PDB file of N, CA and C in Angstrom:
ATOM      1  N   MET A   1      -5.714   1.158  -5.150  1.00  0.00           N
ATOM      2  CA  MET A   1      -6.789   1.692  -4.340  1.00  0.00           C
ATOM      3  C   MET A   1      -6.159   2.537  -3.227  1.00  0.00           C
ATOM      4  N   ASN A   2      -6.628   3.745  -3.088  1.00  0.00           N
ATOM      5  CA  ASN A   2      -6.036   4.604  -2.071  1.00  0.00           C
ATOM      6  C   ASN A   2      -6.682   4.372  -0.706  1.00  0.00           C
ATOM      7  N   ILE A   3      -6.057   4.902   0.314  1.00  0.00           N
ATOM      8  CA  ILE A   3      -6.478   4.662   1.696  1.00  0.00           C
ATOM      9  C   ILE A   3      -7.834   5.292   1.998  1.00  0.00           C
ATOM     10  N   GLU A   4      -8.147   6.413   1.373  1.00  0.00           N
ATOM     11  CA  GLU A   4      -9.442   7.065   1.618  1.00  0.00           C
ATOM     12  C   GLU A   4     -10.602   6.171   1.198  1.00  0.00           C
ATOM     13  N   ARG A   5     -10.476   5.566   0.026  1.00  0.00           N
ATOM     14  CA  ARG A   5     -11.541   4.690  -0.470  1.00  0.00           C
ATOM     15  C   ARG A   5     -11.716   3.475   0.435  1.00  0.00           C
ATOM     16  N   MET A   6     -10.598   2.941   0.928  1.00  0.00           N
ATOM     17  CA  MET A   6     -10.680   1.778   1.815  1.00  0.00           C
ATOM     18  C   MET A   6     -11.350   2.144   3.137  1.00  0.00           C
ATOM     19  N   ILE A   7     -11.016   3.307   3.686  1.00  0.00           N
ATOM     20  CA  ILE A   7     -11.637   3.757   4.934  1.00  0.00           C
ATOM     21  C   ILE A   7     -13.131   3.985   4.734  1.00  0.00           C
ATOM     22  N   MET A   8     -13.505   4.605   3.628  1.00  0.00           N
ATOM     23  CA  MET A   8     -14.920   4.846   3.341  1.00  0.00           C
ATOM     24  C   MET A   8     -15.676   3.526   3.164  1.00  0.00           C
ATOM     25  N   MET A   9     -15.046   2.556   2.516  1.00  0.00           N
ATOM     26  CA  MET A   9     -15.678   1.263   2.294  1.00  0.00           C
ATOM     27  C   MET A   9     -15.940   0.570   3.635  1.00  0.00           C
ATOM     28  N   VAL A  10     -14.962   0.561   4.505  1.00  0.00           N
ATOM     29  CA  VAL A  10     -15.129  -0.060   5.813  1.00  0.00           C
ATOM     30  C   VAL A  10     -16.180   0.710   6.630  1.00  0.00           C
ATOM     31  N   GLY A  11     -16.145   2.030   6.555  1.00  0.00           N
ATOM     32  CA  GLY A  11     -17.136   2.845   7.269  1.00  0.00           C
ATOM     33  C   GLY A  11     -18.549   2.558   6.816  1.00  0.00           C
ATOM     34  N   ARG A  12     -18.758   2.393   5.518  1.00  0.00           N
ATOM     35  CA  ARG A  12     -20.089   2.070   5.001  1.00  0.00           C
ATOM     36  C   ARG A  12     -20.551   0.697   5.480  1.00  0.00           C
ATOM     37  N   MET A  13     -19.627  -0.260   5.506  1.00  0.00           N
ATOM     38  CA  MET A  13     -19.992  -1.596   5.976  1.00  0.00           C
ATOM     39  C   MET A  13     -20.424  -1.568   7.443  1.00  0.00           C
ATOM     40  N   VAL A  14     -19.684  -0.844   8.262  1.00  0.00           N
ATOM     41  CA  VAL A  14     -20.019  -0.752   9.679  1.00  0.00           C
ATOM     42  C   VAL A  14     -21.352  -0.037   9.868  1.00  0.00           C
ATOM     43  N   MET A  15     -21.550   1.066   9.159  1.00  0.00           N
ATOM     44  CA  MET A  15     -22.807   1.817   9.287  1.00  0.00           C
ATOM     45  C   MET A  15     -24.000   0.979   8.824  1.00  0.00           C
ATOM     46  N   ARG A  16     -23.837   0.214   7.765  1.00  0.00           N
ATOM     47  CA  ARG A  16     -24.926  -0.633   7.263  1.00  0.00           C
ATOM     48  C   ARG A  16     -25.312  -1.664   8.316  1.00  0.00           C
ATOM     49  N   ARG A  17     -24.317  -2.278   8.950  1.00  0.00           N
ATOM     50  CA  ARG A  17     -24.622  -3.285   9.974  1.00  0.00           C
ATOM     51  C   ARG A  17     -25.313  -2.660  11.180  1.00  0.00           C
ATOM     52  N   LEU A  18     -24.835  -1.500  11.599  1.00  0.00           N
ATOM     53  CA  LEU A  18     -25.460  -0.820  12.737  1.00  0.00           C
ATOM     54  C   LEU A  18     -26.907  -0.434  12.421  1.00  0.00           C
ATOM     55  N   LEU A  19     -27.125   0.074  11.225  1.00  0.00           N
ATOM     56  CA  LEU A  19     -28.471   0.460  10.820  1.00  0.00           C
ATOM     57  C   LEU A  19     -29.396  -0.754  10.776  1.00  0.00           C
ATOM     58  N   ASN A  20     -28.914  -1.857  10.233  1.00  0.00           N
ATOM     59  CA  ASN A  20     -29.728  -3.068  10.164  1.00  0.00           C
ATOM     60  C   ASN A  20     -30.058  -3.591  11.551  1.00  0.00           C
ATOM     61  N   ARG A  21     -29.106  -3.521  12.469  1.00  0.00           N
ATOM     62  CA  ARG A  21     -29.384  -3.946  13.840  1.00  0.00           C
ATOM     63  C   ARG A  21     -30.448  -3.055  14.471  1.00  0.00           C
ATOM     64  N   GLY A  22     -30.370  -1.772  14.207  1.00  0.00           N
ATOM     65  CA  GLY A  22     -31.362  -0.847  14.740  1.00  0.00           C
ATOM     66  C   GLY A  22     -32.753  -1.124  14.201  1.00  0.00           C
ATOM     67  N   VAL A  23     -32.836  -1.404  12.919  1.00  0.00           N
ATOM     68  CA  VAL A  23     -34.128  -1.724  12.308  1.00  0.00           C
ATOM     69  C   VAL A  23     -34.690  -3.005  12.905  1.00  0.00           C
ATOM     70  N   ASP A  24     -33.845  -4.029  13.039  1.00  0.00           N
ATOM     71  CA  ASP A  24     -34.300  -5.284  13.624  1.00  0.00           C
ATOM     72  C   ASP A  24     -34.761  -5.092  15.060  1.00  0.00           C
ATOM     73  N   ALA A  25     -34.036  -4.300  15.822  1.00  0.00           N
ATOM     74  CA  ALA A  25     -34.420  -4.045  17.208  1.00  0.00           C
ATOM     75  C   ALA A  25     -35.754  -3.309  17.278  1.00  0.00           C
ATOM     76  N   GLY A  26     -35.970  -2.361  16.377  1.00  0.00           N
ATOM     77  CA  GLY A  26     -37.238  -1.635  16.347  1.00  0.00           C
ATOM     78  C   GLY A  26     -38.400  -2.539  15.994  1.00  0.00           C
ATOM     79  N   ILE A  27     -38.199  -3.432  15.049  1.00  0.00           N
ATOM     80  CA  ILE A  27     -39.257  -4.376  14.673  1.00  0.00           C
ATOM     81  C   ILE A  27     -39.571  -5.294  15.846  1.00  0.00           C
ATOM     82  N   ASP A  28     -38.536  -5.786  16.527  1.00  0.00           N
ATOM     83  CA  ASP A  28     -38.761  -6.651  17.684  1.00  0.00           C
ATOM     84  C   ASP A  28     -39.497  -5.915  18.793  1.00  0.00           C
ATOM     85  N   MET A  29     -39.123  -4.670  19.029  1.00  0.00           N
ATOM     86  CA  MET A  29     -39.762  -3.895  20.084  1.00  0.00           C
ATOM     87  C   MET A  29     -41.240  -3.663  19.764  1.00  0.00           C
ATOM     88  N   ALA A  30     -41.535  -3.367  18.512  1.00  0.00           N
ATOM     89  CA  ALA A  30     -42.925  -3.147  18.108  1.00  0.00           C
ATOM     90  C   ALA A  30     -43.736  -4.439  18.234  1.00  0.00           C
ATOM     91  N   ALA A  31     -43.116  -5.569  17.952  1.00  0.00           N
ATOM     92  CA  ALA A  31     -43.823  -6.845  18.032  1.00  0.00           C
ATOM     93  C   ALA A  31     -44.062  -7.256  19.480  1.00  0.00           C
ATOM     94  N   ARG A  32     -43.180  -6.864  20.383  1.00  0.00           N
ATOM     95  CA  ARG A  32     -43.320  -7.233  21.792  1.00  0.00           C
ATOM     96  C   ARG A  32     -44.234  -6.299  22.567  1.00  0.00           C
ATOM     97  N   ARG A  33     -44.610  -5.190  21.996  1.00  0.00           N
ATOM     98  CA  ARG A  33     -45.441  -4.224  22.710  1.00  0.00           C
ATOM     99  C   ARG A  33     -46.724  -4.891  23.191  1.00  0.00           C
ATOM    100  N   GLY A  34     -47.033  -4.763  24.464  1.00  0.00           N
ATOM    101  CA  GLY A  34     -48.245  -5.354  25.020  1.00  0.00           C
ATOM    102  C   GLY A  34     -48.164  -6.846  25.202  1.00  0.00           C
ATOM    103  N   GLU A  35     -47.017  -7.342  25.650  1.00  0.00           N
ATOM    104  CA  GLU A  35     -46.854  -8.781  25.810  1.00  0.00           C
ATOM    105  C   GLU A  35     -47.446  -9.327  27.097  1.00  0.00           C
ATOM    106  N   ASN A  36     -47.921  -8.473  27.976  1.00  0.00           N
ATOM    107  CA  ASN A  36     -48.506  -8.931  29.231  1.00  0.00           C
ATOM    108  C   ASN A  36     -49.814  -9.644  28.918  1.00  0.00           C
ATOM    109  N   ARG A  37     -49.768 -10.948  28.748  1.00  0.00           N
ATOM    110  CA  ARG A  37     -50.879 -11.744  28.206  1.00  0.00           C
ATOM    111  C   ARG A  37     -52.132 -11.742  29.081  1.00  0.00           C
ATOM    112  N   GLU A  38     -51.998 -11.717  30.384  1.00  0.00           N
ATOM    113  CA  GLU A  38     -53.187 -11.822  31.220  1.00  0.00           C
ATOM    114  C   GLU A  38     -54.073 -10.590  31.141  1.00  0.00           C
ATOM    115  N   GLU A  39     -53.549  -9.468  30.686  1.00  0.00           N
ATOM    116  CA  GLU A  39     -54.351  -8.248  30.575  1.00  0.00           C
ATOM    117  C   GLU A  39     -55.053  -8.117  29.222  1.00  0.00           C
ATOM    118  N   LEU A  40     -54.735  -8.993  28.287  1.00  0.00           N
ATOM    119  CA  LEU A  40     -55.278  -8.880  26.937  1.00  0.00           C
ATOM    120  C   LEU A  40     -56.554  -9.710  26.776  1.00  0.00           C
ATOM    121  N   THR A  41     -57.457  -9.188  25.960  1.00  0.00           N
ATOM    122  CA  THR A  41     -58.638  -9.957  25.603  1.00  0.00           C
ATOM    123  C   THR A  41     -58.239 -10.950  24.513  1.00  0.00           C
ATOM    124  N   PRO A  42     -59.062 -11.945  24.254  1.00  0.00           N
ATOM    125  CA  PRO A  42     -58.711 -12.919  23.202  1.00  0.00           C
ATOM    126  C   PRO A  42     -58.478 -12.262  21.836  1.00  0.00           C
ATOM    127  N   GLU A  43     -59.261 -11.241  21.524  1.00  0.00           N
ATOM    128  CA  GLU A  43     -59.084 -10.555  20.237  1.00  0.00           C
ATOM    129  C   GLU A  43     -57.739  -9.820  20.193  1.00  0.00           C
ATOM    130  N   GLU A  44     -57.380  -9.190  21.305  1.00  0.00           N
ATOM    131  CA  GLU A  44     -56.095  -8.491  21.365  1.00  0.00           C
ATOM    132  C   GLU A  44     -54.932  -9.464  21.274  1.00  0.00           C
ATOM    133  N   ARG A  45     -55.073 -10.639  21.897  1.00  0.00           N
ATOM    134  CA  ARG A  45     -54.025 -11.666  21.796  1.00  0.00           C
ATOM    135  C   ARG A  45     -53.840 -12.107  20.353  1.00  0.00           C
ATOM    136  N   LYS A  46     -54.965 -12.273  19.668  1.00  0.00           N
ATOM    137  CA  LYS A  46     -54.908 -12.696  18.262  1.00  0.00           C
ATOM    138  C   LYS A  46     -54.202 -11.634  17.418  1.00  0.00           C
ATOM    139  N   ARG A  47     -54.534 -10.367  17.656  1.00  0.00           N
ATOM    140  CA  ARG A  47     -53.880  -9.281  16.923  1.00  0.00           C
ATOM    141  C   ARG A  47     -52.391  -9.203  17.241  1.00  0.00           C
ATOM    142  N   ALA A  48     -52.044  -9.407  18.511  1.00  0.00           N
ATOM    143  CA  ALA A  48     -50.631  -9.364  18.914  1.00  0.00           C
ATOM    144  C   ALA A  48     -49.854 -10.495  18.250  1.00  0.00           C
ATOM    145  N   LYS A  49     -50.474 -11.668  18.184  1.00  0.00           N
ATOM    146  CA  LYS A  49     -49.811 -12.802  17.543  1.00  0.00           C
ATOM    147  C   LYS A  49     -49.602 -12.544  16.056  1.00  0.00           C
ATOM    148  N   SER A  50     -50.612 -11.992  15.394  1.00  0.00           N
ATOM    149  CA  SER A  50     -50.467 -11.704  13.964  1.00  0.00           C
ATOM    150  C   SER A  50     -49.434 -10.598  13.733  1.00  0.00           C
ATOM    151  N   ALA A  51     -49.345  -9.635  14.645  1.00  0.00           N
ATOM    152  CA  ALA A  51     -48.329  -8.587  14.516  1.00  0.00           C
ATOM    153  C   ALA A  51     -46.935  -9.173  14.669  1.00  0.00           C
ATOM    154  N   LYS A  52     -46.802 -10.112  15.593  1.00  0.00           N
ATOM    155  CA  LYS A  52     -45.505 -10.754  15.789  1.00  0.00           C
ATOM    156  C   LYS A  52     -45.112 -11.555  14.550  1.00  0.00           C
ATOM    157  N   MET A  53     -46.054 -12.243  13.950  1.00  0.00           N
ATOM    158  CA  MET A  53     -45.772 -13.005  12.733  1.00  0.00           C
ATOM    159  C   MET A  53     -45.416 -12.069  11.579  1.00  0.00           C
ATOM    160  N   SER A  54     -46.105 -10.947  11.486  1.00  0.00           N
ATOM    161  CA  SER A  54     -45.793  -9.967  10.444  1.00  0.00           C
ATOM    162  C   SER A  54     -44.394  -9.410  10.633  1.00  0.00           C
ATOM    163  N   ALA A  55     -44.027  -9.149  11.868  1.00  0.00           N
ATOM    164  CA  ALA A  55     -42.687  -8.658  12.153  1.00  0.00           C
ATOM    165  C   ALA A  55     -41.643  -9.699  11.775  1.00  0.00           C
ATOM    166  N   LYS A  56     -41.943 -10.950  12.045  1.00  0.00           N
ATOM    167  CA  LYS A  56     -41.013 -12.026  11.690  1.00  0.00           C
ATOM    168  C   LYS A  56     -40.835 -12.092  10.173  1.00  0.00           C
ATOM    169  N   ARG A  57     -41.944 -11.979   9.441  1.00  0.00           N
ATOM    170  CA  ARG A  57     -41.859 -11.993   7.973  1.00  0.00           C
ATOM    171  C   ARG A  57     -41.097 -10.781   7.443  1.00  0.00           C
ATOM    172  N   ALA A  58     -41.289  -9.625   8.072  1.00  0.00           N
ATOM    173  CA  ALA A  58     -40.572  -8.414   7.652  1.00  0.00           C
ATOM    174  C   ALA A  58     -39.080  -8.575   7.873  1.00  0.00           C
ATOM    175  N   LYS A  59     -38.695  -9.170   9.002  1.00  0.00           N
ATOM    176  CA  LYS A  59     -37.280  -9.409   9.266  1.00  0.00           C
ATOM    177  C   LYS A  59     -36.685 -10.372   8.248  1.00  0.00           C
ATOM    178  N   GLN A  60     -37.435 -11.420   7.909  1.00  0.00           N
ATOM    179  CA  GLN A  60     -36.949 -12.372   6.925  1.00  0.00           C
ATOM    180  C   GLN A  60     -36.787 -11.702   5.563  1.00  0.00           C
ATOM    181  N   GLY A  61     -37.730 -10.853   5.213  1.00  0.00           N
ATOM    182  CA  GLY A  61     -37.638 -10.127   3.949  1.00  0.00           C
ATOM    183  C   GLY A  61     -36.453  -9.177   3.936  1.00  0.00           C
ATOM    184  N   ALA A  62     -36.208  -8.527   5.058  1.00  0.00           N
ATOM    185  CA  ALA A  62     -35.064  -7.607   5.145  1.00  0.00           C
ATOM    186  C   ALA A  62     -33.754  -8.378   5.002  1.00  0.00           C
ATOM    187  N   ARG A  63     -33.681  -9.566   5.616  1.00  0.00           N
ATOM    188  CA  ARG A  63     -32.475 -10.391   5.481  1.00  0.00           C
ATOM    189  C   ARG A  63     -32.265 -10.811   4.039  1.00  0.00           C
ATOM    190  N   LEU A  64     -33.360 -11.191   3.377  1.00  0.00           N
ATOM    191  CA  LEU A  64     -33.268 -11.608   1.978  1.00  0.00           C
ATOM    192  C   LEU A  64     -32.755 -10.457   1.103  1.00  0.00           C
ATOM    193  N   VAL A  65     -33.267  -9.258   1.333  1.00  0.00           N
ATOM    194  CA  VAL A  65     -32.826  -8.101   0.552  1.00  0.00           C
ATOM    195  C   VAL A  65     -31.357  -7.819   0.809  1.00  0.00           C
ATOM    196  N   ARG A  66     -30.930  -7.967   2.068  1.00  0.00           N
ATOM    197  CA  ARG A  66     -29.515  -7.734   2.391  1.00  0.00           C
ATOM    198  C   ARG A  66     -28.619  -8.730   1.669  1.00  0.00           C
ATOM    199  N   ARG A  67     -29.070  -9.981   1.554  1.00  0.00           N
ATOM    200  CA  ARG A  67     -28.264 -10.998   0.867  1.00  0.00           C
ATOM    201  C   ARG A  67     -28.170 -10.719  -0.614  1.00  0.00           C
ATOM    202  N   MET A  68     -29.204 -10.123  -1.187  1.00  0.00           N
ATOM    203  CA  MET A  68     -29.229  -9.868  -2.626  1.00  0.00           C
ATOM    204  C   MET A  68     -28.313  -8.717  -3.021  1.00  0.00           C
ATOM    205  N   ARG A  69     -27.962  -7.890  -2.075  1.00  0.00           N
ATOM    206  CA  ARG A  69     -27.081  -6.750  -2.383  1.00  0.00           C
ATOM    207  C   ARG A  69     -25.776  -7.195  -2.839  1.00  0.00           C
TER     208      ARG A  69
END
């Protein structure tokens, strides 16, 4: 195996991890949007909670897909 292939392999691994961290951070940020609870109506709180749960499920699914690779 030549050095170029090894460098490219390591570069891909690093880029994949950085990209996954970015995706996870974006999902977390979207789920936290509007967390100031006292300003929300009960319906908005319910929607925010369901969005947070959906984000959690999306993260779990993304982790599962990463493991399957």
